[in-house]
Amino acid sequence: MKQIVKLSTFSLILSVSCVILLLVVLYFSSDDIINYIICAILVVWMALALYYMPMSISCDSNELCIRRSLRVKRIPLSDIESVTVCPPTMAERRICCSGGWFGYWGWFSDPSIDKYFAYYGKSSECFLVTLKSGRKYLLGCENMQDMVGYIQKQL
């Protein structure tokens, strides 16, 4: 089973606006130092987005895969303890993450969940994967109810 990760409207607007703003400043800037700084910011931000931004989530009889632009995060089903529908709350704290830059990804902390790594586009489409080791992943995709049901059947 494979489901696509769709970005929220906020995430789309934030990402596009930041890129356009940086490109406009770069275009109109006549100072070489500012141009180098803006280029460096663009390169780092785009590289992080390409590396971490979730594109889709798939599951087969052996593993759960989080497909990103440049890499695939694979979690063996034998390592998964539980899967539950669990949207993030307003009490979440950002540790080292993206709060909307081409999705939501990185380390977050939430009083009800504890520390977790997130890969999702919309907070309304999230589910929590808890591993036997205690590590937690908050994932999100279209038709997340179907994905959660499918993963639970595979377990």
N, C-alpha and C. Protein backbone atom coordinates (compact mmCIF):
# COMPACT_ATOMS: atom_id res chain seq x y z
N MET A 1 0.85 -1.18 0.00
CA MET A 1 0.00 0.00 0.00
C MET A 1 0.89 1.24 0.00
N LYS A 2 0.54 2.21 -0.79
CA LYS A 2 1.31 3.45 -0.89
C LYS A 2 0.36 4.64 -0.85
N GLN A 3 0.70 5.65 -0.04
CA GLN A 3 -0.10 6.86 0.07
C GLN A 3 0.82 8.08 -0.08
N ILE A 4 0.32 9.10 -0.74
CA ILE A 4 1.08 10.33 -0.98
C ILE A 4 0.95 11.26 0.22
N VAL A 5 2.00 12.02 0.49
CA VAL A 5 1.98 13.05 1.53
C VAL A 5 1.68 14.38 0.85
N LYS A 6 0.57 14.99 1.22
CA LYS A 6 0.20 16.30 0.67
C LYS A 6 0.51 17.37 1.71
N LEU A 7 1.08 18.48 1.25
CA LEU A 7 1.42 19.58 2.14
C LEU A 7 0.19 20.41 2.48
N SER A 8 0.21 20.96 3.68
CA SER A 8 -0.88 21.85 4.09
C SER A 8 -0.78 23.17 3.33
N THR A 9 -1.85 23.93 3.31
CA THR A 9 -1.86 25.23 2.66
C THR A 9 -0.83 26.15 3.29
N PHE A 10 -0.74 26.13 4.62
CA PHE A 10 0.26 26.96 5.31
C PHE A 10 1.67 26.61 4.87
N SER A 11 1.95 25.34 4.79
CA SER A 11 3.28 24.89 4.39
C SER A 11 3.61 25.31 2.96
N LEU A 12 2.66 25.17 2.07
CA LEU A 12 2.87 25.60 0.68
C LEU A 12 3.12 27.11 0.58
N ILE A 13 2.29 27.89 1.27
CA ILE A 13 2.43 29.34 1.22
C ILE A 13 3.76 29.76 1.84
N LEU A 14 4.12 29.18 2.97
CA LEU A 14 5.38 29.52 3.63
C LEU A 14 6.57 29.19 2.74
N SER A 15 6.60 28.01 2.18
CA SER A 15 7.73 27.57 1.37
C SER A 15 7.89 28.43 0.12
N VAL A 16 6.80 28.63 -0.60
CA VAL A 16 6.87 29.42 -1.84
C VAL A 16 7.20 30.87 -1.53
N SER A 17 6.60 31.44 -0.50
CA SER A 17 6.85 32.84 -0.15
C SER A 17 8.32 33.07 0.23
N CYS A 18 8.88 32.17 1.02
CA CYS A 18 10.28 32.33 1.43
C CYS A 18 11.22 32.25 0.24
N VAL A 19 10.99 31.30 -0.65
CA VAL A 19 11.85 31.17 -1.83
C VAL A 19 11.74 32.42 -2.70
N ILE A 20 10.52 32.89 -2.94
CA ILE A 20 10.32 34.09 -3.77
C ILE A 20 10.96 35.31 -3.11
N LEU A 21 10.77 35.48 -1.82
CA LEU A 21 11.34 36.61 -1.11
C LEU A 21 12.88 36.61 -1.20
N LEU A 22 13.49 35.46 -0.98
CA LEU A 22 14.95 35.38 -1.07
C LEU A 22 15.44 35.63 -2.50
N LEU A 23 14.73 35.14 -3.48
CA LEU A 23 15.13 35.38 -4.87
C LEU A 23 14.98 36.85 -5.26
N VAL A 24 13.93 37.51 -4.78
CA VAL A 24 13.74 38.94 -5.06
C VAL A 24 14.85 39.76 -4.41
N VAL A 25 15.17 39.46 -3.15
CA VAL A 25 16.26 40.18 -2.48
C VAL A 25 17.58 39.92 -3.21
N LEU A 26 17.78 38.70 -3.63
CA LEU A 26 19.01 38.35 -4.37
C LEU A 26 19.09 39.13 -5.68
N TYR A 27 17.98 39.24 -6.38
CA TYR A 27 17.94 39.94 -7.67
C TYR A 27 18.24 41.43 -7.52
N PHE A 28 17.63 42.05 -6.49
CA PHE A 28 17.77 43.50 -6.34
C PHE A 28 18.99 43.92 -5.51
N SER A 29 19.67 42.97 -4.93
CA SER A 29 20.83 43.32 -4.10
C SER A 29 22.05 43.62 -4.96
N SER A 30 22.75 44.66 -4.59
CA SER A 30 23.98 44.99 -5.32
C SER A 30 25.21 44.68 -4.49
N ASP A 31 25.00 44.23 -3.26
CA ASP A 31 26.10 43.92 -2.35
C ASP A 31 26.48 42.45 -2.50
N ASP A 32 27.74 42.19 -2.82
CA ASP A 32 28.20 40.82 -3.02
C ASP A 32 28.08 39.95 -1.77
N ILE A 33 28.34 40.52 -0.62
CA ILE A 33 28.26 39.75 0.62
C ILE A 33 26.84 39.28 0.87
N ILE A 34 25.87 40.17 0.67
CA ILE A 34 24.46 39.79 0.85
C ILE A 34 24.08 38.71 -0.16
N ASN A 35 24.55 38.81 -1.39
CA ASN A 35 24.27 37.80 -2.40
C ASN A 35 24.81 36.44 -1.99
N TYR A 36 26.03 36.40 -1.47
CA TYR A 36 26.62 35.14 -1.01
C TYR A 36 25.84 34.55 0.16
N ILE A 37 25.44 35.40 1.08
CA ILE A 37 24.68 34.92 2.24
C ILE A 37 23.33 34.35 1.80
N ILE A 38 22.62 35.06 0.93
CA ILE A 38 21.31 34.59 0.47
C ILE A 38 21.46 33.30 -0.33
N CYS A 39 22.48 33.21 -1.16
CA CYS A 39 22.71 31.97 -1.91
C CYS A 39 23.00 30.81 -0.97
N ALA A 40 23.79 31.06 0.06
CA ALA A 40 24.10 30.01 1.03
C ALA A 40 22.83 29.56 1.77
N ILE A 41 22.00 30.53 2.17
CA ILE A 41 20.75 30.19 2.84
C ILE A 41 19.86 29.35 1.93
N LEU A 42 19.72 29.77 0.68
CA LEU A 42 18.90 29.01 -0.27
C LEU A 42 19.42 27.59 -0.47
N VAL A 43 20.71 27.46 -0.63
CA VAL A 43 21.30 26.13 -0.85
C VAL A 43 21.08 25.23 0.36
N VAL A 44 21.33 25.73 1.56
CA VAL A 44 21.16 24.92 2.77
C VAL A 44 19.70 24.56 2.97
N TRP A 45 18.80 25.55 2.87
CA TRP A 45 17.38 25.27 3.07
C TRP A 45 16.83 24.30 2.04
N MET A 46 17.22 24.45 0.79
CA MET A 46 16.72 23.54 -0.25
C MET A 46 17.31 22.14 -0.07
N ALA A 47 18.58 22.05 0.33
CA ALA A 47 19.19 20.74 0.57
C ALA A 47 18.47 20.01 1.71
N LEU A 48 18.17 20.74 2.79
CA LEU A 48 17.45 20.13 3.90
C LEU A 48 16.05 19.67 3.47
N ALA A 49 15.37 20.51 2.70
CA ALA A 49 14.04 20.14 2.23
C ALA A 49 14.10 18.90 1.33
N LEU A 50 15.07 18.86 0.44
CA LEU A 50 15.21 17.69 -0.44
C LEU A 50 15.54 16.43 0.35
N TYR A 51 16.31 16.56 1.38
CA TYR A 51 16.73 15.39 2.16
C TYR A 51 15.62 14.85 3.07
N TYR A 52 14.87 15.75 3.70
CA TYR A 52 13.90 15.32 4.71
C TYR A 52 12.44 15.36 4.28
N MET A 53 12.07 16.16 3.31
CA MET A 53 10.66 16.32 2.95
C MET A 53 10.01 14.99 2.57
N PRO A 54 8.94 14.60 3.29
CA PRO A 54 8.27 13.34 2.96
C PRO A 54 7.46 13.46 1.67
N MET A 55 7.61 12.49 0.80
CA MET A 55 6.88 12.48 -0.47
C MET A 55 5.72 11.47 -0.43
N SER A 56 6.00 10.29 0.14
CA SER A 56 4.96 9.26 0.25
C SER A 56 5.34 8.28 1.35
N ILE A 57 4.34 7.51 1.77
CA ILE A 57 4.55 6.47 2.77
C ILE A 57 3.98 5.18 2.18
N SER A 58 4.77 4.13 2.27
CA SER A 58 4.31 2.85 1.75
C SER A 58 4.60 1.75 2.76
N CYS A 59 3.86 0.68 2.62
CA CYS A 59 4.04 -0.46 3.52
C CYS A 59 3.78 -1.73 2.72
N ASP A 60 4.63 -2.71 2.98
CA ASP A 60 4.40 -4.05 2.42
C ASP A 60 4.46 -5.04 3.57
N SER A 61 4.63 -6.31 3.28
CA SER A 61 4.62 -7.32 4.34
C SER A 61 5.88 -7.31 5.20
N ASN A 62 6.91 -6.57 4.78
CA ASN A 62 8.17 -6.58 5.52
C ASN A 62 8.54 -5.27 6.19
N GLU A 63 8.22 -4.13 5.55
CA GLU A 63 8.69 -2.86 6.08
C GLU A 63 7.77 -1.69 5.76
N LEU A 64 7.90 -0.67 6.58
CA LEU A 64 7.24 0.62 6.38
C LEU A 64 8.29 1.55 5.79
N CYS A 65 7.98 2.19 4.67
CA CYS A 65 8.94 3.06 3.98
C CYS A 65 8.43 4.49 3.94
N ILE A 66 9.28 5.41 4.34
CA ILE A 66 9.00 6.83 4.23
C ILE A 66 9.85 7.34 3.08
N ARG A 67 9.24 7.62 1.97
CA ARG A 67 9.98 8.04 0.78
C ARG A 67 10.16 9.55 0.80
N ARG A 68 11.42 9.93 0.70
CA ARG A 68 11.80 11.33 0.63
C ARG A 68 12.45 11.57 -0.72
N SER A 69 12.73 12.81 -1.05
CA SER A 69 13.29 13.11 -2.37
C SER A 69 14.59 12.39 -2.65
N LEU A 70 15.50 12.38 -1.69
CA LEU A 70 16.82 11.82 -1.91
C LEU A 70 17.07 10.49 -1.20
N ARG A 71 16.21 10.11 -0.28
CA ARG A 71 16.43 8.90 0.50
C ARG A 71 15.12 8.24 0.86
N VAL A 72 15.21 7.00 1.26
CA VAL A 72 14.05 6.27 1.76
C VAL A 72 14.37 5.79 3.17
N LYS A 73 13.52 6.15 4.13
CA LYS A 73 13.66 5.68 5.51
C LYS A 73 12.87 4.40 5.61
N ARG A 74 13.54 3.31 5.96
CA ARG A 74 12.89 1.99 6.05
C ARG A 74 12.81 1.54 7.51
N ILE A 75 11.61 1.13 7.91
CA ILE A 75 11.39 0.63 9.26
C ILE A 75 10.84 -0.78 9.14
N PRO A 76 11.60 -1.79 9.57
CA PRO A 76 11.09 -3.16 9.51
C PRO A 76 9.84 -3.30 10.38
N LEU A 77 8.84 -4.01 9.87
CA LEU A 77 7.60 -4.20 10.64
C LEU A 77 7.86 -4.97 11.92
N SER A 78 8.89 -5.79 11.94
CA SER A 78 9.22 -6.54 13.16
C SER A 78 9.69 -5.62 14.29
N ASP A 79 10.11 -4.39 13.96
CA ASP A 79 10.56 -3.42 14.97
C ASP A 79 9.42 -2.56 15.51
N ILE A 80 8.25 -2.64 14.90
CA ILE A 80 7.12 -1.77 15.29
C ILE A 80 6.31 -2.42 16.41
N GLU A 81 6.11 -1.63 17.47
CA GLU A 81 5.31 -2.09 18.60
C GLU A 81 3.84 -1.75 18.42
N SER A 82 3.56 -0.49 17.99
CA SER A 82 2.16 -0.08 17.82
C SER A 82 2.04 1.04 16.78
N VAL A 83 0.83 1.16 16.24
CA VAL A 83 0.50 2.22 15.29
C VAL A 83 -0.88 2.75 15.69
N THR A 84 -0.96 4.06 15.93
CA THR A 84 -2.22 4.67 16.33
C THR A 84 -2.41 6.01 15.63
N VAL A 85 -3.67 6.37 15.39
CA VAL A 85 -3.98 7.68 14.84
C VAL A 85 -3.70 8.70 15.95
N CYS A 86 -2.93 9.72 15.62
CA CYS A 86 -2.48 10.64 16.67
C CYS A 86 -2.05 11.97 16.08
N PRO A 87 -2.97 12.93 15.88
CA PRO A 87 -2.54 14.24 15.38
C PRO A 87 -1.73 14.99 16.43
N PRO A 88 -0.79 15.82 16.01
CA PRO A 88 -0.02 16.60 16.98
C PRO A 88 -0.92 17.62 17.67
N THR A 89 -0.54 17.97 18.88
CA THR A 89 -1.33 18.95 19.64
C THR A 89 -0.70 20.33 19.55
N MET A 90 -1.39 21.31 20.07
CA MET A 90 -0.87 22.68 20.08
C MET A 90 0.25 22.84 21.10
N ALA A 91 0.44 21.85 21.97
CA ALA A 91 1.46 21.93 23.01
C ALA A 91 2.81 21.40 22.53
N GLU A 92 2.90 21.01 21.27
CA GLU A 92 4.16 20.47 20.79
C GLU A 92 5.25 21.54 20.79
N ARG A 93 6.47 21.10 21.06
CA ARG A 93 7.62 22.00 21.03
C ARG A 93 8.56 21.53 19.94
N ARG A 94 9.15 22.49 19.26
CA ARG A 94 10.10 22.17 18.21
C ARG A 94 11.49 22.06 18.82
N ILE A 95 12.16 20.97 18.55
CA ILE A 95 13.51 20.77 19.06
C ILE A 95 14.51 21.12 17.97
N CYS A 96 14.46 20.41 16.88
CA CYS A 96 15.32 20.68 15.72
C CYS A 96 14.54 20.19 14.50
N CYS A 97 13.80 21.10 13.88
CA CYS A 97 12.84 20.64 12.88
C CYS A 97 12.41 21.76 11.94
N SER A 98 11.59 21.37 11.00
CA SER A 98 10.93 22.31 10.10
C SER A 98 9.46 22.38 10.50
N GLY A 99 9.01 23.57 10.78
CA GLY A 99 7.62 23.75 11.14
C GLY A 99 6.78 24.24 9.97
N GLY A 100 7.05 23.73 8.78
CA GLY A 100 6.28 24.11 7.61
C GLY A 100 7.10 24.27 6.35
N TRP A 101 8.42 24.32 6.44
CA TRP A 101 9.29 24.47 5.27
C TRP A 101 9.25 23.16 4.49
N PHE A 102 8.48 23.10 3.44
CA PHE A 102 8.26 21.89 2.63
C PHE A 102 7.83 20.72 3.50
N GLY A 103 6.87 20.97 4.34
CA GLY A 103 6.33 19.94 5.22
C GLY A 103 6.82 20.12 6.65
N TYR A 104 6.48 19.15 7.46
CA TYR A 104 6.89 19.14 8.86
C TYR A 104 7.77 17.92 9.06
N TRP A 105 9.01 18.16 9.41
CA TRP A 105 9.96 17.06 9.59
C TRP A 105 10.99 17.47 10.63
N GLY A 106 11.49 16.51 11.36
CA GLY A 106 12.50 16.76 12.37
C GLY A 106 12.03 16.34 13.75
N TRP A 107 12.84 16.71 14.75
CA TRP A 107 12.56 16.34 16.14
C TRP A 107 11.60 17.33 16.79
N PHE A 108 10.52 16.78 17.34
CA PHE A 108 9.53 17.54 18.09
C PHE A 108 9.38 16.89 19.46
N SER A 109 8.71 17.61 20.36
CA SER A 109 8.39 17.06 21.67
C SER A 109 6.96 17.47 22.00
N ASP A 110 6.20 16.55 22.54
CA ASP A 110 4.81 16.80 22.88
C ASP A 110 4.56 16.14 24.24
N PRO A 111 3.90 16.82 25.17
CA PRO A 111 3.67 16.21 26.49
C PRO A 111 2.92 14.87 26.44
N SER A 112 2.00 14.73 25.48
CA SER A 112 1.21 13.49 25.42
C SER A 112 1.94 12.37 24.65
N ILE A 113 2.91 12.72 23.82
CA ILE A 113 3.61 11.73 23.00
C ILE A 113 5.05 11.52 23.47
N ASP A 114 5.68 12.53 23.99
CA ASP A 114 7.09 12.59 24.34
C ASP A 114 7.88 13.01 23.10
N LYS A 115 9.13 12.69 23.03
CA LYS A 115 9.99 13.11 21.91
C LYS A 115 9.74 12.18 20.71
N TYR A 116 9.64 12.79 19.51
CA TYR A 116 9.39 11.99 18.31
C TYR A 116 10.00 12.67 17.10
N PHE A 117 10.19 11.90 16.03
CA PHE A 117 10.64 12.43 14.75
C PHE A 117 9.44 12.44 13.83
N ALA A 118 9.22 13.55 13.14
CA ALA A 118 8.02 13.71 12.31
C ALA A 118 8.36 13.74 10.83
N TYR A 119 7.46 13.17 10.05
CA TYR A 119 7.46 13.27 8.59
C TYR A 119 6.01 13.39 8.16
N TYR A 120 5.49 14.62 8.02
CA TYR A 120 4.11 14.77 7.57
C TYR A 120 3.90 16.09 6.86
N GLY A 121 2.79 16.19 6.13
CA GLY A 121 2.46 17.40 5.39
C GLY A 121 1.32 18.17 6.02
N LYS A 122 0.33 17.45 6.57
CA LYS A 122 -0.83 18.06 7.22
C LYS A 122 -1.01 17.41 8.59
N SER A 123 -1.27 18.24 9.60
CA SER A 123 -1.42 17.69 10.95
C SER A 123 -2.70 16.87 11.10
N SER A 124 -3.66 17.07 10.23
CA SER A 124 -4.92 16.31 10.32
C SER A 124 -4.79 14.89 9.77
N GLU A 125 -3.66 14.56 9.18
CA GLU A 125 -3.47 13.24 8.57
C GLU A 125 -2.35 12.44 9.23
N CYS A 126 -2.21 12.57 10.55
CA CYS A 126 -1.06 11.98 11.24
C CYS A 126 -1.39 10.70 12.00
N PHE A 127 -0.39 9.84 12.09
CA PHE A 127 -0.46 8.66 12.93
C PHE A 127 0.90 8.42 13.56
N LEU A 128 0.89 7.80 14.74
CA LEU A 128 2.10 7.59 15.52
C LEU A 128 2.56 6.15 15.40
N VAL A 129 3.81 5.97 15.05
CA VAL A 129 4.43 4.65 14.99
C VAL A 129 5.42 4.57 16.14
N THR A 130 5.19 3.64 17.05
CA THR A 130 6.08 3.44 18.19
C THR A 130 6.85 2.15 17.97
N LEU A 131 8.17 2.25 18.05
CA LEU A 131 9.02 1.09 17.87
C LEU A 131 9.25 0.38 19.20
N LYS A 132 9.67 -0.86 19.15
CA LYS A 132 9.97 -1.63 20.36
C LYS A 132 11.13 -1.01 21.14
N SER A 133 11.99 -0.29 20.45
CA SER A 133 13.12 0.37 21.10
C SER A 133 12.70 1.64 21.86
N GLY A 134 11.46 2.09 21.66
CA GLY A 134 10.96 3.29 22.31
C GLY A 134 10.97 4.51 21.40
N ARG A 135 11.66 4.44 20.29
CA ARG A 135 11.69 5.56 19.33
C ARG A 135 10.30 5.72 18.73
N LYS A 136 9.94 6.99 18.46
CA LYS A 136 8.60 7.27 17.94
C LYS A 136 8.70 8.11 16.68
N TYR A 137 7.80 7.82 15.74
CA TYR A 137 7.71 8.55 14.49
C TYR A 137 6.26 9.01 14.31
N LEU A 138 6.08 10.30 14.04
CA LEU A 138 4.77 10.81 13.70
C LEU A 138 4.75 10.99 12.19
N LEU A 139 3.95 10.19 11.52
CA LEU A 139 3.90 10.17 10.06
C LEU A 139 2.54 10.69 9.60
N GLY A 140 2.50 11.15 8.38
CA GLY A 140 1.24 11.63 7.84
C GLY A 140 1.15 11.38 6.35
N CYS A 141 -0.05 11.02 5.90
CA CYS A 141 -0.29 10.78 4.47
C CYS A 141 -1.79 10.85 4.21
N GLU A 142 -2.14 10.89 2.93
CA GLU A 142 -3.55 10.82 2.57
C GLU A 142 -4.09 9.46 2.98
N ASN A 143 -5.36 9.39 3.29
CA ASN A 143 -6.02 8.14 3.69
C ASN A 143 -5.26 7.45 4.81
N MET A 144 -4.89 8.22 5.83
CA MET A 144 -4.08 7.67 6.91
C MET A 144 -4.82 6.58 7.68
N GLN A 145 -6.15 6.63 7.73
CA GLN A 145 -6.91 5.57 8.39
C GLN A 145 -6.67 4.23 7.70
N ASP A 146 -6.68 4.25 6.36
CA ASP A 146 -6.42 3.02 5.61
C ASP A 146 -5.00 2.53 5.84
N MET A 147 -4.04 3.46 5.88
CA MET A 147 -2.65 3.09 6.10
C MET A 147 -2.46 2.49 7.49
N VAL A 148 -3.06 3.10 8.50
CA VAL A 148 -2.96 2.57 9.87
C VAL A 148 -3.57 1.17 9.94
N GLY A 149 -4.74 1.00 9.34
CA GLY A 149 -5.37 -0.33 9.32
C GLY A 149 -4.52 -1.36 8.61
N TYR A 150 -3.92 -0.98 7.50
CA TYR A 150 -3.08 -1.90 6.75
C TYR A 150 -1.85 -2.30 7.56
N ILE A 151 -1.20 -1.33 8.21
CA ILE A 151 0.00 -1.63 9.00
C ILE A 151 -0.38 -2.53 10.17
N GLN A 152 -1.49 -2.23 10.83
CA GLN A 152 -1.92 -3.05 11.97
C GLN A 152 -2.21 -4.49 11.54
N LYS A 153 -2.77 -4.69 10.35
CA LYS A 153 -3.00 -6.04 9.84
C LYS A 153 -1.68 -6.77 9.58
N GLN A 154 -0.69 -6.03 9.08
CA GLN A 154 0.60 -6.63 8.79
C GLN A 154 1.35 -7.03 10.07
N LEU A 155 1.08 -6.30 11.17
CA LEU A 155 1.74 -6.63 12.42
C LEU A 155 1.15 -7.90 13.00
